[in-house]
C-alpha atoms as a PDB file:
ATOM      1  CA  MET A   1      -7.201 172.185 108.364  1.00  0.00           C
ATOM      2  CA  ASN A   2      -7.527 172.122 112.382  1.00  0.00           C
ATOM      3  CA  ASP A   3      -4.610 170.406 113.867  1.00  0.00           C
ATOM      4  CA  GLU A   4      -5.899 170.835 117.422  1.00  0.00           C
ATOM      5  CA  LEU A   5      -7.014 167.801 119.300  1.00  0.00           C
ATOM      6  CA  PRO A   6     -10.583 167.676 120.315  1.00  0.00           C
ATOM      7  CA  ILE A   7     -11.431 168.270 123.981  1.00  0.00           C
ATOM      8  CA  SER A   8     -13.172 165.323 125.363  1.00  0.00           C
ATOM      9  CA  LYS A   9     -16.370 166.060 127.359  1.00  0.00           C
ATOM     10  CA  LEU A  10     -15.780 162.727 129.315  1.00  0.00           C
ATOM     11  CA  LYS A  11     -14.434 162.675 132.696  1.00  0.00           C
ATOM     12  CA  ARG A  12     -10.868 161.714 132.390  1.00  0.00           C
ATOM     13  CA  GLY A  13      -8.529 160.192 134.967  1.00  0.00           C
ATOM     14  CA  SER A  14      -4.665 160.565 135.132  1.00  0.00           C
ATOM     15  CA  LEU A  15      -2.568 159.310 132.274  1.00  0.00           C
ATOM     16  CA  ASP A  16      -1.222 156.615 134.693  1.00  0.00           C
ATOM     17  CA  GLU A  17      -4.855 155.347 135.132  1.00  0.00           C
ATOM     18  CA  ARG A  18      -5.812 155.710 131.416  1.00  0.00           C
ATOM     19  CA  PHE A  19      -2.700 153.801 130.251  1.00  0.00           C
ATOM     20  CA  LYS A  20      -3.360 150.737 132.512  1.00  0.00           C
ATOM     21  CA  ALA A  21      -5.267 149.240 129.817  1.00  0.00           C
ATOM     22  CA  HIS A  22      -2.450 150.014 127.369  1.00  0.00           C
ATOM     23  CA  PRO A  23       0.760 148.910 128.989  1.00  0.00           C
ATOM     24  CA  GLN A  24       2.904 148.670 125.790  1.00  0.00           C
ATOM     25  CA  THR A  25       1.780 152.252 124.837  1.00  0.00           C
ATOM     26  CA  TYR A  26       2.676 153.514 128.264  1.00  0.00           C
ATOM     27  CA  GLU A  27       6.081 151.785 128.231  1.00  0.00           C
ATOM     28  CA  ARG A  28       6.653 153.313 124.710  1.00  0.00           C
ATOM     29  CA  LEU A  29       5.995 156.742 126.015  1.00  0.00           C
ATOM     30  CA  GLN A  30       8.155 156.352 129.201  1.00  0.00           C
ATOM     31  CA  ALA A  31      11.104 155.170 126.637  1.00  0.00           C
ATOM     32  CA  ILE A  32      10.523 158.191 124.551  1.00  0.00           C
ATOM     33  CA  ALA A  33      10.835 160.493 127.690  1.00  0.00           C
ATOM     34  CA  ASP A  34      13.867 158.528 128.822  1.00  0.00           C
ATOM     35  CA  MET A  35      15.497 158.972 125.346  1.00  0.00           C
ATOM     36  CA  MET A  36      14.681 162.759 125.190  1.00  0.00           C
ATOM     37  CA  GLU A  37      16.400 163.236 128.746  1.00  0.00           C
ATOM     38  CA  ALA A  38      19.376 161.231 127.666  1.00  0.00           C
ATOM     39  CA  SER A  39      19.724 163.300 124.522  1.00  0.00           C
ATOM     40  CA  ILE A  40      19.382 166.515 126.474  1.00  0.00           C
ATOM     41  CA  ALA A  41      22.020 165.083 128.939  1.00  0.00           C
ATOM     42  CA  ALA A  42      24.323 164.115 126.081  1.00  0.00           C
ATOM     43  CA  GLY A  43      24.287 167.623 124.749  1.00  0.00           C
ATOM     44  CA  CYS A  44      22.415 166.925 121.484  1.00  0.00           C
ATOM     45  CA  SER A  45      21.405 169.760 119.450  1.00  0.00           C
ATOM     46  CA  ALA A  46      17.840 170.691 119.235  1.00  0.00           C
ATOM     47  CA  ASP A  47      17.635 169.386 115.704  1.00  0.00           C
ATOM     48  CA  GLU A  48      19.002 166.070 116.693  1.00  0.00           C
ATOM     49  CA  ALA A  49      16.675 165.784 119.669  1.00  0.00           C
ATOM     50  CA  GLU A  50      13.787 166.640 117.517  1.00  0.00           C
ATOM     51  CA  GLU A  51      14.810 164.083 114.738  1.00  0.00           C
ATOM     52  CA  ARG A  52      14.964 161.387 117.504  1.00  0.00           C
ATOM     53  CA  ALA A  53      11.788 162.329 119.031  1.00  0.00           C
ATOM     54  CA  VAL A  54       9.810 162.449 115.615  1.00  0.00           C
ATOM     55  CA  GLU A  55      11.149 158.949 114.738  1.00  0.00           C
ATOM     56  CA  GLN A  56      10.049 157.538 118.062  1.00  0.00           C
ATOM     57  CA  ILE A  57       6.619 159.092 117.878  1.00  0.00           C
ATOM     58  CA  GLN A  58       6.013 157.879 114.346  1.00  0.00           C
ATOM     59  CA  LYS A  59       6.977 154.467 115.728  1.00  0.00           C
ATOM     60  CA  LEU A  60       4.404 154.822 118.550  1.00  0.00           C
ATOM     61  CA  GLY A  61       1.616 155.901 115.994  1.00  0.00           C
ATOM     62  CA  ARG A  62       2.331 152.828 113.833  1.00  0.00           C
ATOM     63  CA  ALA A  63       1.973 150.660 116.941  1.00  0.00           C
ATOM     64  CA  LEU A  64      -1.268 152.449 118.009  1.00  0.00           C
ATOM     65  CA  LEU A  65      -2.765 151.981 114.573  1.00  0.00           C
ATOM     66  CA  HIS A  66      -1.703 148.356 114.581  1.00  0.00           C
ATOM     67  CA  ASP A  67      -3.327 147.775 118.029  1.00  0.00           C
ATOM     68  CA  TRP A  68      -6.395 149.624 116.826  1.00  0.00           C
ATOM     69  CA  ALA A  69      -6.712 147.461 113.766  1.00  0.00           C
ATOM     70  CA  LEU A  70      -6.426 144.380 115.800  1.00  0.00           C
ATOM     71  CA  GLU A  71      -9.071 145.346 118.089  1.00  0.00           C
ATOM     72  CA  ALA A  72     -11.400 146.387 115.420  1.00  0.00           C
ATOM     73  CA  GLN A  73     -10.867 143.201 113.513  1.00  0.00           C
ATOM     74  CA  GLN A  74     -11.852 141.254 116.742  1.00  0.00           C
ATOM     75  CA  LYS A  75     -14.833 143.238 117.370  1.00  0.00           C
ATOM     76  CA  SER A  76     -15.972 142.807 113.719  1.00  0.00           C
ATOM     77  CA  LEU A  77     -15.291 138.985 114.051  1.00  0.00           C
ATOM     78  CA  GLU A  78     -17.308 138.805 117.168  1.00  0.00           C
ATOM     79  CA  GLN A  79     -20.135 140.682 115.746  1.00  0.00           C
ATOM     80  CA  ALA A  80     -20.187 138.627 112.605  1.00  0.00           C
ATOM     81  CA  GLN A  81     -20.320 135.269 114.839  1.00  0.00           C
ATOM     82  CA  ARG A  82     -23.204 136.691 116.980  1.00  0.00           C
ATOM     83  CA  GLN A  83     -25.079 137.589 113.771  1.00  0.00           C
ATOM     84  CA  GLU A  84     -24.283 134.462 111.891  1.00  0.00           C
ATOM     85  CA  PRO A  85     -23.320 131.742 114.286  1.00  0.00           C
ATOM     86  CA  GLN A  86     -23.397 129.078 111.578  1.00  0.00           C
ATOM     87  CA  ALA A  87     -20.740 130.965 109.515  1.00  0.00           C
ATOM     88  CA  ILE A  88     -17.602 129.025 109.002  1.00  0.00           C
ATOM     89  CA  LYS A  89     -14.418 130.520 110.391  1.00  0.00           C
ATOM     90  CA  HIS A  90     -11.531 130.403 107.945  1.00  0.00           C
ATOM     91  CA  ALA A  91      -8.113 129.892 109.306  1.00  0.00           C
ATOM     92  CA  LYS A  92      -4.819 128.570 108.008  1.00  0.00           C
ATOM     93  CA  LYS A  93      -4.439 124.943 108.107  1.00  0.00           C
ATOM     94  CA  LYS A  94      -1.777 123.405 110.353  1.00  0.00           C
END
C-alpha cells in the first residue's frame, strides 16, 4: 500500500490562500500547531505530544469528511433538482 500523497499537477498557491475557502479547517490547523507548541513548552514527552497530535488530527479528519459529505449532498441535491425540477423536496414538517 502506498501511503504517500499524490503530487498535484495543478498550480498551487500558499496554504493561507488555499484555506481562505475553508476557514474552520484553517483555524483547526492553527489550534493544532498552538497545542503542539504549548506541549513542547510544558515539557511533555514525545509520546504525550504525539498522542495529543494524533487525537487532534483525527478530529480534523472527521470534520473534513463531514464537510465533504455535506458539500457532496448539496451538489447531488442541486443536480437532481436540475434534472427533475418537478420532483418534490422532502423535509421535516415544522
